[in-house]
Amino acid sequence: MDRPFNTTAKLPRPSLATACRCPQHARRLFTGSLLGAGLVAALPAAATIPECKRSKFASAVSADTVESQAGRQYRQLLQKAGSDRALAPPDHPQLQRLKYIGARMVPFTSECNSRAAQWQWEVNLIGSREINAFCMPGGKIAFYFGILSELQLSDDEVAMIMGHEAAHALLEHAREQMGKNTITTGALRLGAALLGWGQVGDVAAQGAGQLASLAYSRSDESEADALGLIMAAKAGYDPRAGVTLWQKMGAAGGGAPPQMLSTHPSGPARIKDIESKLPGVMPIFDAAPKPTRRFSPPPRLPPAPQRSR
């Protein structure tokens, strides 16, 4: 049985986390130390990671700066979780599960981004009902307990989340978004000033920059899905779990915003996209060494107490 710890804490979200905005009440978080647990051998050259291009916008912001900021925010999150007794202890079965799955994936991360070989990868489990997971720049991963408990995730589904979130860090999407926002908003504000639009133009520029960033983010999500599927498959986890994962996300979330106003592809669109990639990814999974350990999800949390009016 899982060792008790505070699974209902409310903690601030780090601003550099690349957590997905899933359907309502279905947001995910993802952390941890990817040390130790059974590293796997490299696959044949035929099972290569697809092209991993960094956007030109990423060069507008220093990678060292972004990773350093992310590391500080990650430490602050862990300190807050620790003070609230909401940081899973090292021997917690679900944290051991996350570390084992992560350790199978980490050897493949530097195939996409050479910086990953020097990252101090971490995975941590945060006690919260939130359905959320993230990977910050520099390989700082966190899962919230709620995503494991409420969705009753299999190991393969956990691997899909971990691969997706790690892909955000490897593709430097946070750095890219920061660069895009800096360049796009700055250019729009300059144009507004030159045209004499004043404060009204400045407000419009901020709004337009936000819409541009939403479009970039939807593209980032698709890229992270594609790379995450391959890394999970190389680690021996079934990529078909990407479909069941998003089916569970959709069932847990209720209504979602229209796709054009969402930072992520809609559930049905995302599932269709993942299904289209499976024929190319399944041979990688078939050739990969499979995990020697399997874990069960934790029991569901009891319903949250209703607040009195």
C-alpha atoms as a PDB file:
ATOM      1  CA  MET A   1       0.000   0.000   0.000  1.00  0.00           C
ATOM      2  CA  ASP A   2       1.235   3.517  -0.810  1.00  0.00           C
ATOM      3  CA  ARG A   3       2.857   5.304   2.095  1.00  0.00           C
ATOM      4  CA  PRO A   4       0.539   8.165   3.137  1.00  0.00           C
ATOM      5  CA  PHE A   5       1.457  11.729   2.349  1.00  0.00           C
ATOM      6  CA  ASN A   6      -0.589  14.872   1.743  1.00  0.00           C
ATOM      7  CA  THR A   7      -2.251  14.244  -1.627  1.00  0.00           C
ATOM      8  CA  THR A   8      -4.526  17.291  -1.631  1.00  0.00           C
ATOM      9  CA  ALA A   9      -2.129  20.229  -1.263  1.00  0.00           C
ATOM     10  CA  LYS A  10      -2.570  23.358  -3.394  1.00  0.00           C
ATOM     11  CA  LEU A  11       0.719  24.570  -4.781  1.00  0.00           C
ATOM     12  CA  PRO A  12       1.676  27.387  -7.185  1.00  0.00           C
ATOM     13  CA  ARG A  13       2.506  26.371 -10.753  1.00  0.00           C
ATOM     14  CA  PRO A  14       5.985  27.323 -12.003  1.00  0.00           C
ATOM     15  CA  SER A  15       5.629  29.775 -14.898  1.00  0.00           C
ATOM     16  CA  LEU A  16       8.266  27.985 -16.971  1.00  0.00           C
ATOM     17  CA  ALA A  17       6.532  24.602 -16.727  1.00  0.00           C
ATOM     18  CA  THR A  18       5.289  23.323 -20.064  1.00  0.00           C
ATOM     19  CA  ALA A  19       2.178  21.819 -18.526  1.00  0.00           C
ATOM     20  CA  CYS A  20      -0.669  21.203 -20.962  1.00  0.00           C
ATOM     21  CA  ARG A  21      -3.994  22.951 -20.595  1.00  0.00           C
ATOM     22  CA  CYS A  22      -6.072  19.842 -20.789  1.00  0.00           C
ATOM     23  CA  PRO A  23      -9.888  19.893 -20.690  1.00  0.00           C
ATOM     24  CA  GLN A  24     -11.397  21.582 -17.638  1.00  0.00           C
ATOM     25  CA  HIS A  25     -10.272  19.920 -14.387  1.00  0.00           C
ATOM     26  CA  ALA A  26      -7.821  17.744 -16.371  1.00  0.00           C
ATOM     27  CA  ARG A  27      -4.523  19.549 -16.182  1.00  0.00           C
ATOM     28  CA  ARG A  28      -1.344  17.594 -15.693  1.00  0.00           C
ATOM     29  CA  LEU A  29       1.995  18.040 -13.863  1.00  0.00           C
ATOM     30  CA  PHE A  30       5.139  15.979 -14.093  1.00  0.00           C
ATOM     31  CA  THR A  31       8.535  15.878 -12.081  1.00  0.00           C
ATOM     32  CA  GLY A  32      11.353  13.645 -10.844  1.00  0.00           C
ATOM     33  CA  SER A  33      14.804  12.111 -10.551  1.00  0.00           C
ATOM     34  CA  LEU A  34      15.400   9.783 -13.465  1.00  0.00           C
ATOM     35  CA  LEU A  35      18.171   7.893 -11.718  1.00  0.00           C
ATOM     36  CA  GLY A  36      18.976   4.276 -11.479  1.00  0.00           C
ATOM     37  CA  ALA A  37      16.157   2.036 -12.644  1.00  0.00           C
ATOM     38  CA  GLY A  38      17.279  -0.272 -15.443  1.00  0.00           C
ATOM     39  CA  LEU A  39      18.786   1.704 -18.314  1.00  0.00           C
ATOM     40  CA  VAL A  40      18.113   0.166 -21.700  1.00  0.00           C
ATOM     41  CA  ALA A  41      20.375  -0.500 -24.641  1.00  0.00           C
ATOM     42  CA  ALA A  42      20.206   1.680 -27.741  1.00  0.00           C
ATOM     43  CA  LEU A  43      18.035   0.442 -30.572  1.00  0.00           C
ATOM     44  CA  PRO A  44      19.262  -0.202 -34.123  1.00  0.00           C
ATOM     45  CA  ALA A  45      19.941   2.787 -36.352  1.00  0.00           C
ATOM     46  CA  ALA A  46      16.656   2.168 -38.199  1.00  0.00           C
ATOM     47  CA  ALA A  47      14.729   3.367 -35.144  1.00  0.00           C
ATOM     48  CA  THR A  48      15.967   6.954 -35.269  1.00  0.00           C
ATOM     49  CA  ILE A  49      14.498   9.986 -33.546  1.00  0.00           C
ATOM     50  CA  PRO A  50      12.892  12.255 -36.149  1.00  0.00           C
ATOM     51  CA  GLU A  51      14.450  15.570 -37.016  1.00  0.00           C
ATOM     52  CA  CYS A  52      14.671  17.727 -33.892  1.00  0.00           C
ATOM     53  CA  LYS A  53      14.859  21.310 -35.034  1.00  0.00           C
ATOM     54  CA  ARG A  54      15.025  24.223 -32.645  1.00  0.00           C
ATOM     55  CA  SER A  55      13.077  27.277 -33.738  1.00  0.00           C
ATOM     56  CA  LYS A  56      15.052  30.374 -34.726  1.00  0.00           C
ATOM     57  CA  PHE A  57      13.047  32.225 -32.063  1.00  0.00           C
ATOM     58  CA  ALA A  58      14.742  30.170 -29.332  1.00  0.00           C
ATOM     59  CA  SER A  59      18.046  31.933 -30.018  1.00  0.00           C
ATOM     60  CA  ALA A  60      16.514  35.188 -28.742  1.00  0.00           C
ATOM     61  CA  VAL A  61      16.800  33.832 -25.191  1.00  0.00           C
ATOM     62  CA  SER A  62      19.818  32.157 -23.582  1.00  0.00           C
ATOM     63  CA  ALA A  63      19.357  28.413 -22.940  1.00  0.00           C
ATOM     64  CA  ASP A  64      21.530  28.681 -19.822  1.00  0.00           C
ATOM     65  CA  THR A  65      19.326  31.478 -18.491  1.00  0.00           C
ATOM     66  CA  VAL A  66      16.084  29.589 -19.121  1.00  0.00           C
ATOM     67  CA  GLU A  67      17.403  26.376 -17.582  1.00  0.00           C
ATOM     68  CA  SER A  68      18.778  28.247 -14.567  1.00  0.00           C
ATOM     69  CA  GLN A  69      15.455  29.996 -13.963  1.00  0.00           C
ATOM     70  CA  ALA A  70      13.610  26.713 -14.345  1.00  0.00           C
ATOM     71  CA  GLY A  71      15.921  25.028 -11.841  1.00  0.00           C
ATOM     72  CA  ARG A  72      15.272  27.744  -9.249  1.00  0.00           C
ATOM     73  CA  GLN A  73      11.514  27.565  -9.731  1.00  0.00           C
ATOM     74  CA  TYR A  74      11.598  23.796  -9.505  1.00  0.00           C
ATOM     75  CA  ARG A  75      13.475  23.946  -6.205  1.00  0.00           C
ATOM     76  CA  GLN A  76      10.956  26.461  -4.883  1.00  0.00           C
ATOM     77  CA  LEU A  77       8.089  24.149  -5.856  1.00  0.00           C
ATOM     78  CA  LEU A  78       9.733  21.215  -4.084  1.00  0.00           C
ATOM     79  CA  GLN A  79      10.404  23.323  -0.994  1.00  0.00           C
ATOM     80  CA  LYS A  80       6.763  24.424  -0.881  1.00  0.00           C
ATOM     81  CA  ALA A  81       5.574  20.837  -1.382  1.00  0.00           C
ATOM     82  CA  GLY A  82       7.928  19.658   1.349  1.00  0.00           C
ATOM     83  CA  SER A  83       6.673  22.259   3.823  1.00  0.00           C
ATOM     84  CA  ASP A  84       3.103  21.130   3.093  1.00  0.00           C
ATOM     85  CA  ARG A  85       4.081  17.468   3.479  1.00  0.00           C
ATOM     86  CA  ALA A  86       3.039  17.060  -0.157  1.00  0.00           C
ATOM     87  CA  LEU A  87       6.345  15.824  -1.571  1.00  0.00           C
ATOM     88  CA  ALA A  88       6.387  12.054  -1.971  1.00  0.00           C
ATOM     89  CA  PRO A  89       9.180  10.374   0.054  1.00  0.00           C
ATOM     90  CA  PRO A  90      11.866   8.462  -1.895  1.00  0.00           C
ATOM     91  CA  ASP A  91      10.355   5.071  -1.027  1.00  0.00           C
ATOM     92  CA  HIS A  92       6.815   5.934  -2.142  1.00  0.00           C
ATOM     93  CA  PRO A  93       5.682   3.214  -4.609  1.00  0.00           C
ATOM     94  CA  GLN A  94       4.294   5.699  -7.140  1.00  0.00           C
ATOM     95  CA  LEU A  95       7.489   7.762  -7.090  1.00  0.00           C
ATOM     96  CA  GLN A  96       9.489   4.571  -7.595  1.00  0.00           C
ATOM     97  CA  ARG A  97       7.211   3.853 -10.543  1.00  0.00           C
ATOM     98  CA  LEU A  98       7.877   7.259 -12.110  1.00  0.00           C
ATOM     99  CA  LYS A  99      11.633   6.941 -11.591  1.00  0.00           C
ATOM    100  CA  TYR A 100      11.705   3.505 -13.189  1.00  0.00           C
ATOM    101  CA  ILE A 101       9.804   4.663 -16.279  1.00  0.00           C
ATOM    102  CA  GLY A 102      11.860   7.838 -16.522  1.00  0.00           C
ATOM    103  CA  ALA A 103      15.160   6.007 -16.236  1.00  0.00           C
ATOM    104  CA  ARG A 104      14.211   3.885 -19.251  1.00  0.00           C
ATOM    105  CA  MET A 105      13.627   7.035 -21.318  1.00  0.00           C
ATOM    106  CA  VAL A 106      16.515   9.295 -20.351  1.00  0.00           C
ATOM    107  CA  PRO A 107      19.166   7.418 -22.401  1.00  0.00           C
ATOM    108  CA  PHE A 108      17.304   8.414 -25.579  1.00  0.00           C
ATOM    109  CA  THR A 109      16.914  12.116 -24.798  1.00  0.00           C
ATOM    110  CA  SER A 110      20.328  13.254 -26.030  1.00  0.00           C
ATOM    111  CA  GLU A 111      19.554  11.839 -29.489  1.00  0.00           C
ATOM    112  CA  CYS A 112      17.329  14.865 -29.964  1.00  0.00           C
ATOM    113  CA  ASN A 113      19.141  17.506 -27.914  1.00  0.00           C
ATOM    114  CA  SER A 114      22.815  17.150 -26.999  1.00  0.00           C
ATOM    115  CA  ARG A 115      22.340  19.445 -23.982  1.00  0.00           C
ATOM    116  CA  ALA A 116      20.223  16.730 -22.366  1.00  0.00           C
ATOM    117  CA  ALA A 117      23.323  14.632 -21.706  1.00  0.00           C
ATOM    118  CA  GLN A 118      24.447  17.264 -19.157  1.00  0.00           C
ATOM    119  CA  TRP A 119      21.043  17.886 -17.600  1.00  0.00           C
ATOM    120  CA  GLN A 120      20.478  16.739 -14.033  1.00  0.00           C
ATOM    121  CA  TRP A 121      17.229  14.908 -14.754  1.00  0.00           C
ATOM    122  CA  GLU A 122      14.797  14.734 -11.853  1.00  0.00           C
ATOM    123  CA  VAL A 123      11.392  13.206 -11.277  1.00  0.00           C
ATOM    124  CA  ASN A 124       9.213  14.039  -8.283  1.00  0.00           C
ATOM    125  CA  LEU A 125       5.673  13.274  -7.192  1.00  0.00           C
ATOM    126  CA  ILE A 126       3.572  16.099  -5.780  1.00  0.00           C
ATOM    127  CA  GLY A 127       0.560  15.463  -3.561  1.00  0.00           C
ATOM    128  CA  SER A 128      -2.325  17.230  -5.265  1.00  0.00           C
ATOM    129  CA  ARG A 129      -5.687  16.322  -6.767  1.00  0.00           C
ATOM    130  CA  GLU A 130      -4.776  18.136  -9.973  1.00  0.00           C
ATOM    131  CA  ILE A 131      -4.638  16.102 -13.163  1.00  0.00           C
ATOM    132  CA  ASN A 132      -1.355  17.535 -14.359  1.00  0.00           C
ATOM    133  CA  ALA A 133       2.300  16.866 -15.223  1.00  0.00           C
ATOM    134  CA  PHE A 134       5.182  18.953 -16.569  1.00  0.00           C
ATOM    135  CA  CYS A 135       8.814  18.922 -17.547  1.00  0.00           C
ATOM    136  CA  MET A 136      10.671  22.173 -17.088  1.00  0.00           C
ATOM    137  CA  PRO A 137      13.731  23.184 -19.138  1.00  0.00           C
ATOM    138  CA  GLY A 138      16.775  21.237 -17.997  1.00  0.00           C
ATOM    139  CA  GLY A 139      14.864  17.994 -17.397  1.00  0.00           C
ATOM    140  CA  LYS A 140      12.957  18.891 -14.221  1.00  0.00           C
ATOM    141  CA  ILE A 141       9.877  16.637 -14.199  1.00  0.00           C
ATOM    142  CA  ALA A 142       6.894  16.565 -11.846  1.00  0.00           C
ATOM    143  CA  PHE A 143       3.716  14.507 -11.705  1.00  0.00           C
ATOM    144  CA  TYR A 144       0.754  15.414  -9.563  1.00  0.00           C
ATOM    145  CA  PHE A 145      -0.785  12.527  -7.648  1.00  0.00           C
ATOM    146  CA  GLY A 146      -4.204  13.302  -9.119  1.00  0.00           C
ATOM    147  CA  ILE A 147      -3.245  12.335 -12.660  1.00  0.00           C
ATOM    148  CA  LEU A 148      -2.183   8.862 -11.515  1.00  0.00           C
ATOM    149  CA  SER A 149      -5.128   8.391  -9.171  1.00  0.00           C
ATOM    150  CA  GLU A 150      -8.050   9.967 -11.005  1.00  0.00           C
ATOM    151  CA  LEU A 151      -7.192   8.603 -14.464  1.00  0.00           C
ATOM    152  CA  GLN A 152      -5.960   5.229 -13.179  1.00  0.00           C
ATOM    153  CA  LEU A 153      -3.064   5.331 -15.610  1.00  0.00           C
ATOM    154  CA  SER A 154      -1.257   2.245 -16.819  1.00  0.00           C
ATOM    155  CA  ASP A 155       2.549   2.313 -17.074  1.00  0.00           C
ATOM    156  CA  ASP A 156       2.246   2.766 -20.843  1.00  0.00           C
ATOM    157  CA  GLU A 157      -0.004   5.804 -20.360  1.00  0.00           C
ATOM    158  CA  VAL A 158       2.381   7.270 -17.783  1.00  0.00           C
ATOM    159  CA  ALA A 159       5.179   6.809 -20.321  1.00  0.00           C
ATOM    160  CA  MET A 160       3.156   8.692 -22.956  1.00  0.00           C
ATOM    161  CA  ILE A 161       2.839  11.668 -20.606  1.00  0.00           C
ATOM    162  CA  MET A 162       6.473  11.516 -19.561  1.00  0.00           C
ATOM    163  CA  GLY A 163       7.683  11.265 -23.147  1.00  0.00           C
ATOM    164  CA  HIS A 164       5.465  14.144 -24.235  1.00  0.00           C
ATOM    165  CA  GLU A 165       6.565  16.439 -21.411  1.00  0.00           C
ATOM    166  CA  ALA A 166      10.250  15.554 -21.803  1.00  0.00           C
ATOM    167  CA  ALA A 167       9.903  16.306 -25.517  1.00  0.00           C
ATOM    168  CA  HIS A 168       8.814  19.864 -24.669  1.00  0.00           C
ATOM    169  CA  ALA A 169      12.090  20.337 -22.784  1.00  0.00           C
ATOM    170  CA  LEU A 170      14.203  18.691 -25.491  1.00  0.00           C
ATOM    171  CA  LEU A 171      12.631  20.798 -28.240  1.00  0.00           C
ATOM    172  CA  GLU A 172      13.133  23.866 -26.018  1.00  0.00           C
ATOM    173  CA  HIS A 173       9.537  24.960 -26.409  1.00  0.00           C
ATOM    174  CA  ALA A 174       9.592  27.176 -23.308  1.00  0.00           C
ATOM    175  CA  ARG A 175      12.684  28.973 -24.618  1.00  0.00           C
ATOM    176  CA  GLU A 176      11.093  29.219 -28.065  1.00  0.00           C
ATOM    177  CA  GLN A 177       7.866  30.660 -26.640  1.00  0.00           C
ATOM    178  CA  MET A 178       9.810  33.237 -24.642  1.00  0.00           C
ATOM    179  CA  GLY A 179      11.701  34.233 -27.770  1.00  0.00           C
ATOM    180  CA  LYS A 180       8.545  34.420 -29.871  1.00  0.00           C
ATOM    181  CA  ASN A 181       6.713  36.498 -27.306  1.00  0.00           C
ATOM    182  CA  THR A 182       9.647  38.897 -27.005  1.00  0.00           C
ATOM    183  CA  ILE A 183      10.021  39.368 -30.752  1.00  0.00           C
ATOM    184  CA  THR A 184       6.330  39.298 -31.737  1.00  0.00           C
ATOM    185  CA  THR A 185       5.034  41.621 -29.023  1.00  0.00           C
ATOM    186  CA  GLY A 186       7.989  43.984 -29.417  1.00  0.00           C
ATOM    187  CA  ALA A 187       7.495  44.276 -33.182  1.00  0.00           C
ATOM    188  CA  LEU A 188       3.749  44.867 -32.858  1.00  0.00           C
ATOM    189  CA  ARG A 189       4.250  47.554 -30.228  1.00  0.00           C
ATOM    190  CA  LEU A 190       6.855  49.273 -32.419  1.00  0.00           C
ATOM    191  CA  GLY A 191       4.423  49.236 -35.343  1.00  0.00           C
ATOM    192  CA  ALA A 192       1.658  50.676 -33.171  1.00  0.00           C
ATOM    193  CA  ALA A 193       3.935  53.482 -32.008  1.00  0.00           C
ATOM    194  CA  LEU A 194       5.064  54.323 -35.544  1.00  0.00           C
ATOM    195  CA  LEU A 195       1.433  54.475 -36.717  1.00  0.00           C
ATOM    196  CA  GLY A 196       0.455  56.733 -33.820  1.00  0.00           C
ATOM    197  CA  TRP A 197      -2.021  54.297 -32.253  1.00  0.00           C
ATOM    198  CA  GLY A 198      -0.857  55.119 -28.733  1.00  0.00           C
ATOM    199  CA  GLN A 199      -2.203  53.142 -25.780  1.00  0.00           C
ATOM    200  CA  VAL A 200      -4.983  51.545 -27.825  1.00  0.00           C
ATOM    201  CA  GLY A 201      -2.408  50.203 -30.241  1.00  0.00           C
ATOM    202  CA  ASP A 202      -0.297  48.894 -27.371  1.00  0.00           C
ATOM    203  CA  VAL A 203      -3.248  46.945 -25.956  1.00  0.00           C
ATOM    204  CA  ALA A 204      -4.054  45.551 -29.405  1.00  0.00           C
ATOM    205  CA  ALA A 205      -0.429  44.523 -29.844  1.00  0.00           C
ATOM    206  CA  GLN A 206      -0.511  42.580 -26.595  1.00  0.00           C
ATOM    207  CA  GLY A 207      -3.685  40.785 -27.658  1.00  0.00           C
ATOM    208  CA  ALA A 208      -2.294  39.909 -31.089  1.00  0.00           C
ATOM    209  CA  GLY A 209       0.902  38.628 -29.527  1.00  0.00           C
ATOM    210  CA  GLN A 210      -1.130  36.356 -27.248  1.00  0.00           C
ATOM    211  CA  LEU A 211      -3.044  34.878 -30.192  1.00  0.00           C
ATOM    212  CA  ALA A 212       0.201  34.241 -32.051  1.00  0.00           C
ATOM    213  CA  SER A 213       1.563  32.475 -29.007  1.00  0.00           C
ATOM    214  CA  LEU A 214      -1.520  30.244 -28.835  1.00  0.00           C
ATOM    215  CA  ALA A 215      -0.975  29.149 -32.434  1.00  0.00           C
ATOM    216  CA  TYR A 216       2.680  28.386 -31.748  1.00  0.00           C
ATOM    217  CA  SER A 217       1.709  26.369 -28.710  1.00  0.00           C
ATOM    218  CA  ARG A 218      -0.705  24.134 -30.613  1.00  0.00           C
ATOM    219  CA  SER A 219       2.126  23.343 -33.011  1.00  0.00           C
ATOM    220  CA  ASP A 220       4.433  22.660 -30.059  1.00  0.00           C
ATOM    221  CA  GLU A 221       1.957  20.176 -28.638  1.00  0.00           C
ATOM    222  CA  SER A 222       1.827  18.177 -31.871  1.00  0.00           C
ATOM    223  CA  GLU A 223       5.621  18.140 -32.079  1.00  0.00           C
ATOM    224  CA  ALA A 224       5.883  16.952 -28.474  1.00  0.00           C
ATOM    225  CA  ASP A 225       3.325  14.201 -29.104  1.00  0.00           C
ATOM    226  CA  ALA A 226       5.331  12.914 -32.082  1.00  0.00           C
ATOM    227  CA  LEU A 227       8.686  12.897 -30.285  1.00  0.00           C
ATOM    228  CA  GLY A 228       7.208  11.594 -27.033  1.00  0.00           C
ATOM    229  CA  LEU A 229       5.648   8.592 -28.787  1.00  0.00           C
ATOM    230  CA  ILE A 230       9.015   7.600 -30.214  1.00  0.00           C
ATOM    231  CA  MET A 231      10.922   7.948 -26.947  1.00  0.00           C
ATOM    232  CA  ALA A 232       8.293   5.957 -25.058  1.00  0.00           C
ATOM    233  CA  ALA A 233       8.337   3.270 -27.760  1.00  0.00           C
ATOM    234  CA  LYS A 234      12.137   3.037 -27.591  1.00  0.00           C
ATOM    235  CA  ALA A 235      11.827   2.593 -23.828  1.00  0.00           C
ATOM    236  CA  GLY A 236       9.508  -0.382 -24.431  1.00  0.00           C
ATOM    237  CA  TYR A 237       6.141   1.248 -23.739  1.00  0.00           C
ATOM    238  CA  ASP A 238       3.208   0.737 -26.091  1.00  0.00           C
ATOM    239  CA  PRO A 239       2.525   3.927 -28.101  1.00  0.00           C
ATOM    240  CA  ARG A 240      -1.116   2.900 -28.568  1.00  0.00           C
ATOM    241  CA  ALA A 241      -1.522   4.075 -24.976  1.00  0.00           C
ATOM    242  CA  GLY A 242      -1.432   7.617 -26.354  1.00  0.00           C
ATOM    243  CA  VAL A 243      -4.947   7.020 -27.654  1.00  0.00           C
ATOM    244  CA  THR A 244      -6.340   5.608 -24.411  1.00  0.00           C
ATOM    245  CA  LEU A 245      -4.635   8.380 -22.439  1.00  0.00           C
ATOM    246  CA  TRP A 246      -6.438  11.131 -24.345  1.00  0.00           C
ATOM    247  CA  GLN A 247      -9.691   9.250 -24.198  1.00  0.00           C
ATOM    248  CA  LYS A 248      -9.338   9.262 -20.401  1.00  0.00           C
ATOM    249  CA  MET A 249      -8.383  12.948 -20.434  1.00  0.00           C
ATOM    250  CA  GLY A 250     -11.498  13.752 -22.431  1.00  0.00           C
ATOM    251  CA  ALA A 251     -13.749  11.735 -20.130  1.00  0.00           C
ATOM    252  CA  ALA A 252     -12.306  13.471 -17.069  1.00  0.00           C
ATOM    253  CA  GLY A 253     -12.406  16.987 -18.435  1.00  0.00           C
ATOM    254  CA  GLY A 254     -15.942  17.903 -19.374  1.00  0.00           C
ATOM    255  CA  GLY A 255     -16.125  20.814 -21.797  1.00  0.00           C
ATOM    256  CA  ALA A 256     -12.992  22.127 -23.506  1.00  0.00           C
ATOM    257  CA  PRO A 257     -12.461  25.492 -25.243  1.00  0.00           C
ATOM    258  CA  PRO A 258     -12.720  25.629 -29.058  1.00  0.00           C
ATOM    259  CA  GLN A 259      -9.536  24.448 -30.730  1.00  0.00           C
ATOM    260  CA  MET A 260      -8.710  27.869 -32.197  1.00  0.00           C
ATOM    261  CA  LEU A 261      -8.717  29.399 -28.697  1.00  0.00           C
ATOM    262  CA  SER A 262      -6.902  26.547 -26.982  1.00  0.00           C
ATOM    263  CA  THR A 263      -3.176  26.220 -26.478  1.00  0.00           C
ATOM    264  CA  HIS A 264      -3.507  22.529 -27.327  1.00  0.00           C
ATOM    265  CA  PRO A 265      -5.174  20.452 -30.009  1.00  0.00           C
ATOM    266  CA  SER A 266      -8.662  19.267 -29.121  1.00  0.00           C
ATOM    267  CA  GLY A 267      -9.050  15.714 -27.779  1.00  0.00           C
ATOM    268  CA  PRO A 268     -10.503  14.161 -30.962  1.00  0.00           C
ATOM    269  CA  ALA A 269      -7.998  15.972 -33.189  1.00  0.00           C
ATOM    270  CA  ARG A 270      -5.144  14.904 -30.979  1.00  0.00           C
ATOM    271  CA  ILE A 271      -6.244  11.268 -30.932  1.00  0.00           C
ATOM    272  CA  LYS A 272      -6.586  11.251 -34.715  1.00  0.00           C
ATOM    273  CA  ASP A 273      -3.095  12.709 -35.069  1.00  0.00           C
ATOM    274  CA  ILE A 274      -1.614  10.109 -32.713  1.00  0.00           C
ATOM    275  CA  GLU A 275      -3.382   7.284 -34.558  1.00  0.00           C
ATOM    276  CA  SER A 276      -1.884   8.499 -37.839  1.00  0.00           C
ATOM    277  CA  LYS A 277       1.611   8.171 -36.348  1.00  0.00           C
ATOM    278  CA  LEU A 278       1.189   4.658 -34.936  1.00  0.00           C
ATOM    279  CA  PRO A 279       2.125   2.709 -38.117  1.00  0.00           C
ATOM    280  CA  GLY A 280       5.539   4.380 -38.086  1.00  0.00           C
ATOM    281  CA  VAL A 281       6.091   3.989 -34.338  1.00  0.00           C
ATOM    282  CA  MET A 282       4.880   0.423 -33.722  1.00  0.00           C
ATOM    283  CA  PRO A 283       7.981  -1.187 -35.354  1.00  0.00           C
ATOM    284  CA  ILE A 284      10.149   0.787 -32.919  1.00  0.00           C
ATOM    285  CA  PHE A 285       8.113  -0.520 -29.997  1.00  0.00           C
ATOM    286  CA  ASP A 286       8.195  -4.096 -31.334  1.00  0.00           C
ATOM    287  CA  ALA A 287      12.017  -3.995 -31.524  1.00  0.00           C
ATOM    288  CA  ALA A 288      12.542  -2.384 -28.117  1.00  0.00           C
ATOM    289  CA  PRO A 289      13.505  -4.259 -24.915  1.00  0.00           C
ATOM    290  CA  LYS A 290      10.435  -4.365 -22.706  1.00  0.00           C
ATOM    291  CA  PRO A 291      10.231  -3.291 -19.047  1.00  0.00           C
ATOM    292  CA  THR A 292      10.933  -6.018 -16.526  1.00  0.00           C
ATOM    293  CA  ARG A 293       8.771  -4.326 -13.893  1.00  0.00           C
ATOM    294  CA  ARG A 294       5.131  -3.302 -14.037  1.00  0.00           C
ATOM    295  CA  PHE A 295       3.273  -1.129 -11.548  1.00  0.00           C
ATOM    296  CA  SER A 296      -0.364  -0.551 -10.647  1.00  0.00           C
ATOM    297  CA  PRO A 297      -1.975   2.870 -10.272  1.00  0.00           C
ATOM    298  CA  PRO A 298      -2.775   4.120  -6.761  1.00  0.00           C
ATOM    299  CA  PRO A 299      -6.308   3.891  -5.359  1.00  0.00           C
ATOM    300  CA  ARG A 300      -8.632   6.707  -6.318  1.00  0.00           C
ATOM    301  CA  LEU A 301      -8.744   9.585  -3.865  1.00  0.00           C
ATOM    302  CA  PRO A 302     -12.006   9.933  -1.922  1.00  0.00           C
ATOM    303  CA  PRO A 303     -14.265  12.789  -3.105  1.00  0.00           C
ATOM    304  CA  ALA A 304     -13.192  16.220  -1.952  1.00  0.00           C
ATOM    305  CA  PRO A 305     -15.270  17.516   0.977  1.00  0.00           C
ATOM    306  CA  GLN A 306     -17.910  20.051  -0.021  1.00  0.00           C
ATOM    307  CA  ARG A 307     -17.359  23.556   1.291  1.00  0.00           C
ATOM    308  CA  SER A 308     -20.128  24.884   3.449  1.00  0.00           C
ATOM    309  CA  ARG A 309     -21.759  28.063   2.167  1.00  0.00           C
END
